[in-house]
Amino acid sequence: MPRARSPGLATCMRSPYTTQSDNSIPMKIERDEVCIFIPTLNEAPTIGDLVREFRERGFEHILVMDGNSTDGTPDIARAAGATVRTQTGKGKGNAIIEAVRIIDKPYVLMLDGDGTYAPDDAEKMLDPLALGFDHVIGNRLVNPDGGAFTRLNLLGNQILNLMFKIAHGRDLRDILSGYRAFTLRSIRQMTLKEAGFEIETEMAVETVRNGQRVTVVPVRYLSRPGTVTKLNPFQDGARIFSTIYRLAKMNNPIFYFGIIGLFISLAGGITGVYVILEWLKNIEHLPLTILTVLLITIGFQIFMFGVISDMLLGFHRETLHQLEELQNPPRPPR
């Protein structure tokens, strides 16, 4: 039996950007233009209140993408007034990827269903989209409730944000935030593949790679009110760190290949020091000498490959920018 189409996912033909009045004051985004998107997995203690709070604020289009919860989360969300879909894949990343295919509202406000993000911040998150921004990140790190972060989690977030800034050249303050607002056009412009918690990192990388207009706003981060965290600080932290580095291959190749070249050359330098010290003792190591030269040469070549790739990437971005200007020429002043 075919499923009835939810009114929360009704087709919307409006432009993805809010129009402006003649006095250049941006209009507010209408609540009917926004899809509240909540990926969930066993969020029964919090999902009902969360959905009801958004509905009380006038948001009627609420999509819950459930990851096969076993605690009744879908039923609770549906009873509270949300449209519920069950994702086919596993992980938060797959939930986002699948949701993007069915959402048809021009604006999306995404947050976790564990009660750590406040619906009170919804307007603050959506307002920049009316000004023409493509992506808004809610910064949890400036205003967390007491006990919302452990020292280990806070330190891990700071390290990963610093790593992102170095690798991708943008300081987005809180790349792991689950509270985001974006236009449907901008999220569909991204190439998202990560299945798990690395998805926020990939979204941050894609905003930079696609030259999207991004802004960061401070939001409250509440103590977890009853649900168990699904994040493993060490395992998931290592995956996120790996994702930041791996995705730099397409966004900042000189960093990606430079690190590889540096370590190979460093290994060659260490063997070279050993060879020299042994040579001073009248002991020759011909095989190690050859290995030293090879390692240093290969490391330098890999670094230069990164430099060339970076030049090609810059040329590619400039070409895309010029094509975009040709397709969307600036309007003459009135």
Protein backbone atom coordinates (compact mmCIF):
# COMPACT_ATOMS: atom_id res chain seq x y z
CA MET A 1 0.00 0.00 0.00
CA PRO A 2 1.65 3.32 -0.99
CA ARG A 3 2.42 5.75 1.79
CA ALA A 4 0.50 8.99 1.92
CA ARG A 5 2.66 12.01 1.31
CA SER A 6 3.11 14.05 4.47
CA PRO A 7 2.11 17.70 4.41
CA GLY A 8 5.44 18.36 6.14
CA LEU A 9 7.18 17.43 2.89
CA ALA A 10 4.90 19.23 0.49
CA THR A 11 6.46 20.57 -2.67
CA CYS A 12 7.59 24.16 -2.37
CA MET A 13 8.29 26.20 -5.50
CA ARG A 14 9.74 29.25 -3.80
CA SER A 15 13.25 30.49 -4.52
CA PRO A 16 15.95 29.13 -2.15
CA TYR A 17 16.77 32.69 -1.16
CA THR A 18 14.38 35.08 0.52
CA THR A 19 13.67 38.12 -1.60
CA GLN A 20 14.36 41.62 -0.34
CA SER A 21 12.13 44.61 -0.30
CA ASP A 22 12.98 47.84 -2.11
CA ASN A 23 14.55 49.35 1.00
CA SER A 24 17.07 46.44 1.05
CA ILE A 25 15.90 45.19 4.44
CA PRO A 26 15.89 41.35 4.30
CA MET A 27 12.56 39.68 4.95
CA LYS A 28 12.19 37.07 7.66
CA ILE A 29 12.11 33.46 6.58
CA GLU A 30 8.59 32.12 6.88
CA ARG A 31 8.23 29.07 9.09
CA ASP A 32 6.33 27.31 6.33
CA GLU A 33 9.53 27.49 4.22
CA VAL A 34 11.58 25.59 6.81
CA CYS A 35 11.97 21.87 7.33
CA ILE A 36 13.11 20.95 10.84
CA PHE A 37 15.22 17.86 10.29
CA ILE A 38 16.09 15.60 13.23
CA PRO A 39 18.14 12.41 12.79
CA THR A 40 17.44 10.01 15.67
CA LEU A 41 18.51 6.73 17.21
CA ASN A 42 16.90 5.72 20.51
CA GLU A 43 15.91 9.25 21.61
CA ALA A 44 12.63 8.32 23.35
CA PRO A 45 13.25 10.48 26.48
CA THR A 46 13.66 13.69 24.46
CA ILE A 47 12.19 13.49 20.96
CA GLY A 48 8.54 14.10 21.92
CA ASP A 49 9.22 17.33 23.82
CA LEU A 50 11.60 18.50 21.11
CA VAL A 51 9.02 18.08 18.34
CA ARG A 52 6.30 19.73 20.41
CA GLU A 53 8.51 22.74 21.20
CA PHE A 54 9.15 23.36 17.51
CA ARG A 55 5.46 23.01 16.69
CA GLU A 56 4.62 25.51 19.45
CA ARG A 57 6.97 27.94 17.71
CA GLY A 58 5.05 27.58 14.48
CA PHE A 59 7.22 25.06 12.64
CA GLU A 60 4.83 22.57 11.07
CA HIS A 61 7.23 20.69 8.78
CA ILE A 62 9.29 18.44 11.01
CA LEU A 63 11.08 15.42 9.56
CA VAL A 64 12.49 12.73 11.83
CA MET A 65 14.83 10.31 10.06
CA ASP A 66 15.11 7.36 12.41
CA GLY A 67 17.98 4.90 12.42
CA ASN A 68 15.91 1.86 13.42
CA SER A 69 15.38 2.78 17.06
CA THR A 70 14.30 0.05 19.47
CA ASP A 71 12.82 2.27 22.21
CA GLY A 72 9.73 3.59 20.45
CA THR A 73 11.29 6.84 19.21
CA PRO A 74 9.40 6.80 15.85
CA ASP A 75 6.00 6.36 17.52
CA ILE A 76 6.67 9.13 20.04
CA ALA A 77 7.84 11.52 17.32
CA ARG A 78 4.86 10.70 15.12
CA ALA A 79 2.43 11.23 18.01
CA ALA A 80 4.02 14.62 18.71
CA GLY A 81 3.35 15.74 15.13
CA ALA A 82 6.49 14.88 13.16
CA THR A 83 6.77 13.10 9.83
CA VAL A 84 8.88 9.99 10.45
CA ARG A 85 10.96 8.04 7.96
CA THR A 86 13.18 5.04 8.68
CA GLN A 87 16.59 5.23 7.06
CA THR A 88 17.87 2.26 5.06
CA GLY A 89 21.55 2.64 5.94
CA LYS A 90 23.22 2.93 9.32
CA GLY A 91 24.76 6.01 10.88
CA LYS A 92 24.02 9.71 11.12
CA GLY A 93 25.69 10.41 7.79
CA ASN A 94 23.36 8.08 5.94
CA ALA A 95 20.37 9.66 7.70
CA ILE A 96 21.38 13.09 6.39
CA ILE A 97 22.13 11.84 2.88
CA GLU A 98 18.76 10.06 2.63
CA ALA A 99 16.83 13.01 4.09
CA VAL A 100 18.29 15.49 1.60
CA ARG A 101 16.72 13.46 -1.23
CA ILE A 102 13.17 13.87 0.09
CA ILE A 103 13.16 17.32 1.70
CA ASP A 104 11.68 19.93 -0.61
CA LYS A 105 11.51 23.01 1.58
CA PRO A 106 14.00 25.74 0.58
CA TYR A 107 15.49 25.98 4.09
CA VAL A 108 16.54 23.24 6.50
CA LEU A 109 17.27 23.46 10.22
CA MET A 110 19.08 20.35 11.40
CA LEU A 111 19.69 19.32 15.00
CA ASP A 112 20.21 16.18 17.04
CA GLY A 113 17.26 14.59 18.80
CA ASP A 114 19.00 14.09 22.16
CA GLY A 115 17.84 17.34 23.72
CA THR A 116 21.26 19.02 23.79
CA TYR A 117 20.22 21.82 21.40
CA ALA A 118 17.61 24.44 22.27
CA PRO A 119 14.68 25.25 19.93
CA ASP A 120 14.96 28.79 21.33
CA ASP A 121 17.99 29.25 19.05
CA ALA A 122 16.06 28.39 15.88
CA GLU A 123 15.50 32.00 14.79
CA LYS A 124 19.13 32.85 15.47
CA MET A 125 20.18 29.98 13.22
CA LEU A 126 17.77 30.83 10.39
CA ASP A 127 18.20 34.62 10.26
CA PRO A 128 21.57 34.54 8.40
CA LEU A 129 19.96 32.53 5.59
CA ALA A 130 17.67 35.50 4.92
CA LEU A 131 20.79 37.62 4.48
CA GLY A 132 22.06 35.33 1.72
CA PHE A 133 24.26 32.92 3.66
CA ASP A 134 24.26 29.32 2.45
CA HIS A 135 25.25 27.52 5.64
CA VAL A 136 25.02 28.39 9.34
CA ILE A 137 26.90 26.51 12.05
CA GLY A 138 25.80 26.71 15.67
CA ASN A 139 28.87 27.15 17.87
CA ARG A 140 28.40 25.08 21.03
CA LEU A 141 31.84 25.81 22.46
CA VAL A 142 31.22 29.41 23.53
CA ASN A 143 28.16 28.80 25.69
CA PRO A 144 27.90 25.21 26.96
CA ASP A 145 25.97 24.36 30.11
CA GLY A 146 27.97 23.08 33.03
CA GLY A 147 28.67 19.38 32.52
CA ALA A 148 27.69 19.45 28.84
CA PHE A 149 31.30 18.73 27.90
CA THR A 150 33.89 16.66 29.68
CA ARG A 151 37.42 18.07 29.65
CA LEU A 152 38.42 15.33 27.22
CA ASN A 153 35.58 16.17 24.81
CA LEU A 154 36.28 19.89 24.98
CA LEU A 155 39.99 19.35 24.34
CA GLY A 156 39.23 16.97 21.47
CA ASN A 157 36.90 19.52 19.84
CA GLN A 158 39.52 22.25 20.10
CA ILE A 159 42.22 20.04 18.56
CA LEU A 160 39.99 18.95 15.68
CA ASN A 161 38.92 22.54 14.96
CA LEU A 162 42.57 23.63 14.90
CA MET A 163 43.40 20.74 12.58
CA PHE A 164 40.57 21.77 10.27
CA LYS A 165 41.75 25.39 10.24
CA ILE A 166 45.28 24.31 9.27
CA ALA A 167 44.19 21.73 6.69
CA HIS A 168 41.37 23.66 5.01
CA GLY A 169 42.24 27.29 5.63
CA ARG A 170 39.00 28.32 7.35
CA ASP A 171 38.21 28.81 11.01
CA LEU A 172 34.64 27.54 11.39
CA ARG A 173 34.92 27.44 15.21
CA ASP A 174 32.86 24.27 15.75
CA ILE A 175 32.98 21.88 12.79
CA LEU A 176 31.40 19.04 14.81
CA SER A 177 28.27 20.95 15.75
CA GLY A 178 25.04 19.11 15.03
CA TYR A 179 23.01 22.33 15.00
CA ARG A 180 23.04 23.68 11.44
CA ALA A 181 20.86 25.68 9.10
CA PHE A 182 21.32 25.66 5.35
CA THR A 183 19.53 26.17 2.08
CA LEU A 184 18.38 23.06 0.28
CA ARG A 185 20.31 24.26 -2.77
CA SER A 186 23.58 24.42 -0.84
CA ILE A 187 23.26 20.98 0.77
CA ARG A 188 22.44 19.39 -2.58
CA GLN A 189 25.54 21.05 -4.01
CA MET A 190 27.65 18.98 -1.61
CA THR A 191 29.03 15.54 -2.38
CA LEU A 192 28.35 13.72 0.89
CA LYS A 193 29.59 10.16 1.40
CA GLU A 194 30.47 9.73 5.07
CA ALA A 195 28.11 7.35 6.87
CA GLY A 196 28.80 8.14 10.52
CA PHE A 197 29.66 11.05 12.79
CA GLU A 198 32.26 12.22 10.28
CA ILE A 199 29.40 13.73 8.26
CA GLU A 200 29.60 17.13 10.03
CA THR A 201 33.29 17.33 9.15
CA GLU A 202 32.53 16.45 5.54
CA MET A 203 29.82 19.11 5.41
CA ALA A 204 32.28 21.70 6.70
CA VAL A 205 34.83 20.65 4.08
CA GLU A 206 32.22 20.79 1.32
CA THR A 207 31.15 24.32 2.26
CA VAL A 208 34.77 25.45 1.87
CA ARG A 209 35.38 23.46 -1.30
CA ASN A 210 32.25 24.83 -2.98
CA GLY A 211 32.92 28.40 -1.89
CA GLN A 212 29.65 28.65 0.02
CA ARG A 213 28.86 31.59 2.26
CA VAL A 214 29.20 30.30 5.82
CA THR A 215 28.65 31.99 9.14
CA VAL A 216 28.90 30.82 12.73
CA VAL A 217 26.50 31.83 15.50
CA PRO A 218 26.74 31.01 19.22
CA VAL A 219 24.12 28.59 20.56
CA ARG A 220 23.43 26.97 23.88
CA TYR A 221 24.64 23.44 24.40
CA LEU A 222 22.62 21.70 27.09
CA SER A 223 23.60 18.86 29.35
CA ARG A 224 22.35 15.52 28.06
CA PRO A 225 18.92 15.07 29.71
CA GLY A 226 18.67 11.28 29.76
CA THR A 227 19.98 9.76 26.56
CA VAL A 228 23.30 7.95 26.33
CA THR A 229 25.92 9.45 24.01
CA LYS A 230 26.69 7.37 20.94
CA LEU A 231 30.06 9.04 20.39
CA ASN A 232 33.23 7.19 21.35
CA PRO A 233 35.76 9.94 22.14
CA PHE A 234 38.82 8.01 20.96
CA GLN A 235 37.48 5.88 18.11
CA ASP A 236 35.25 8.53 16.57
CA GLY A 237 37.81 11.25 17.29
CA ALA A 238 40.40 9.29 15.32
CA ARG A 239 37.95 8.83 12.44
CA ILE A 240 37.15 12.53 12.35
CA PHE A 241 40.85 13.42 12.44
CA SER A 242 41.44 11.00 9.56
CA THR A 243 38.51 12.52 7.63
CA ILE A 244 39.88 16.06 8.00
CA TYR A 245 43.23 14.93 6.63
CA ARG A 246 41.86 12.65 3.90
CA LEU A 247 39.47 15.26 2.51
CA ALA A 248 42.30 17.79 2.31
CA LYS A 249 43.51 15.86 -0.74
CA MET A 250 40.86 17.61 -2.87
CA ASN A 251 40.66 20.88 -0.94
CA ASN A 252 44.26 21.59 0.09
CA PRO A 253 46.60 19.17 -1.78
CA ILE A 254 49.78 20.95 -0.72
CA PHE A 255 48.90 20.13 2.90
CA TYR A 256 47.88 16.54 2.15
CA PHE A 257 50.89 15.62 0.01
CA GLY A 258 53.20 17.90 1.97
CA ILE A 259 52.63 15.88 5.16
CA ILE A 260 53.38 12.62 3.32
CA GLY A 261 56.48 14.07 1.70
CA LEU A 262 57.67 15.51 5.00
CA PHE A 263 57.47 12.19 6.83
CA ILE A 264 59.23 10.29 4.04
CA SER A 265 61.99 12.91 3.86
CA LEU A 266 62.24 12.89 7.66
CA ALA A 267 62.75 9.12 7.59
CA GLY A 268 65.47 9.66 5.00
CA GLY A 269 67.08 12.31 7.17
CA ILE A 270 67.16 9.99 10.18
CA THR A 271 68.83 7.20 8.22
CA GLY A 272 71.17 9.80 6.74
CA VAL A 273 72.30 10.94 10.20
CA TYR A 274 72.97 7.32 11.14
CA VAL A 275 74.99 6.75 7.95
CA ILE A 276 77.09 9.86 8.57
CA LEU A 277 77.79 8.94 12.20
CA GLU A 278 78.84 5.45 11.11
CA TRP A 279 80.98 6.88 8.30
CA LEU A 280 82.84 9.02 10.83
CA LYS A 281 83.76 5.75 12.54
CA ASN A 282 85.07 4.43 9.19
CA ILE A 283 82.04 2.14 8.82
CA GLU A 284 80.30 2.29 5.47
CA HIS A 285 76.63 1.39 4.88
CA LEU A 286 76.14 1.52 1.13
CA PRO A 287 72.57 0.09 1.12
CA LEU A 288 71.47 2.58 3.80
CA THR A 289 73.13 5.40 1.88
CA ILE A 290 71.13 4.51 -1.22
CA LEU A 291 67.94 4.21 0.87
CA THR A 292 68.60 7.66 2.37
CA VAL A 293 68.92 9.29 -1.03
CA LEU A 294 65.78 7.52 -2.30
CA LEU A 295 63.68 8.53 0.71
CA ILE A 296 64.71 12.19 0.56
CA THR A 297 64.20 12.31 -3.22
CA ILE A 298 60.80 10.62 -3.09
CA GLY A 299 59.67 12.85 -0.22
CA PHE A 300 60.68 15.98 -2.14
CA GLN A 301 58.91 14.75 -5.29
CA ILE A 302 55.69 14.06 -3.38
CA PHE A 303 55.85 17.55 -1.87
CA MET A 304 56.31 19.09 -5.32
CA PHE A 305 53.37 17.05 -6.57
CA GLY A 306 51.31 18.74 -3.85
CA VAL A 307 52.54 22.17 -4.97
CA ILE A 308 51.58 21.46 -8.60
CA SER A 309 48.18 20.07 -7.53
CA ASP A 310 47.56 23.20 -5.46
CA MET A 311 48.32 25.40 -8.48
CA LEU A 312 45.92 23.38 -10.65
CA LEU A 313 43.23 23.57 -7.97
CA GLY A 314 43.63 27.34 -7.78
CA PHE A 315 43.29 27.60 -11.55
CA HIS A 316 40.21 25.36 -11.46
CA ARG A 317 38.54 27.50 -8.77
CA GLU A 318 39.29 30.69 -10.67
CA THR A 319 37.78 29.21 -13.84
CA LEU A 320 34.63 28.18 -11.96
CA HIS A 321 34.39 31.65 -10.44
CA GLN A 322 34.60 33.29 -13.86
CA LEU A 323 31.97 30.91 -15.27
CA GLU A 324 29.66 31.74 -12.37
CA GLU A 325 30.11 35.46 -13.03
CA LEU A 326 29.25 34.93 -16.69
CA GLN A 327 26.11 32.99 -15.78
CA ASN A 328 25.08 35.47 -13.08
CA PRO A 329 26.31 38.92 -14.14
CA PRO A 330 25.97 41.68 -11.51
CA ARG A 331 22.88 43.82 -11.86
CA PRO A 332 23.49 47.44 -12.86
CA PRO A 333 22.71 49.99 -10.12
CA ARG A 334 19.29 51.60 -10.26
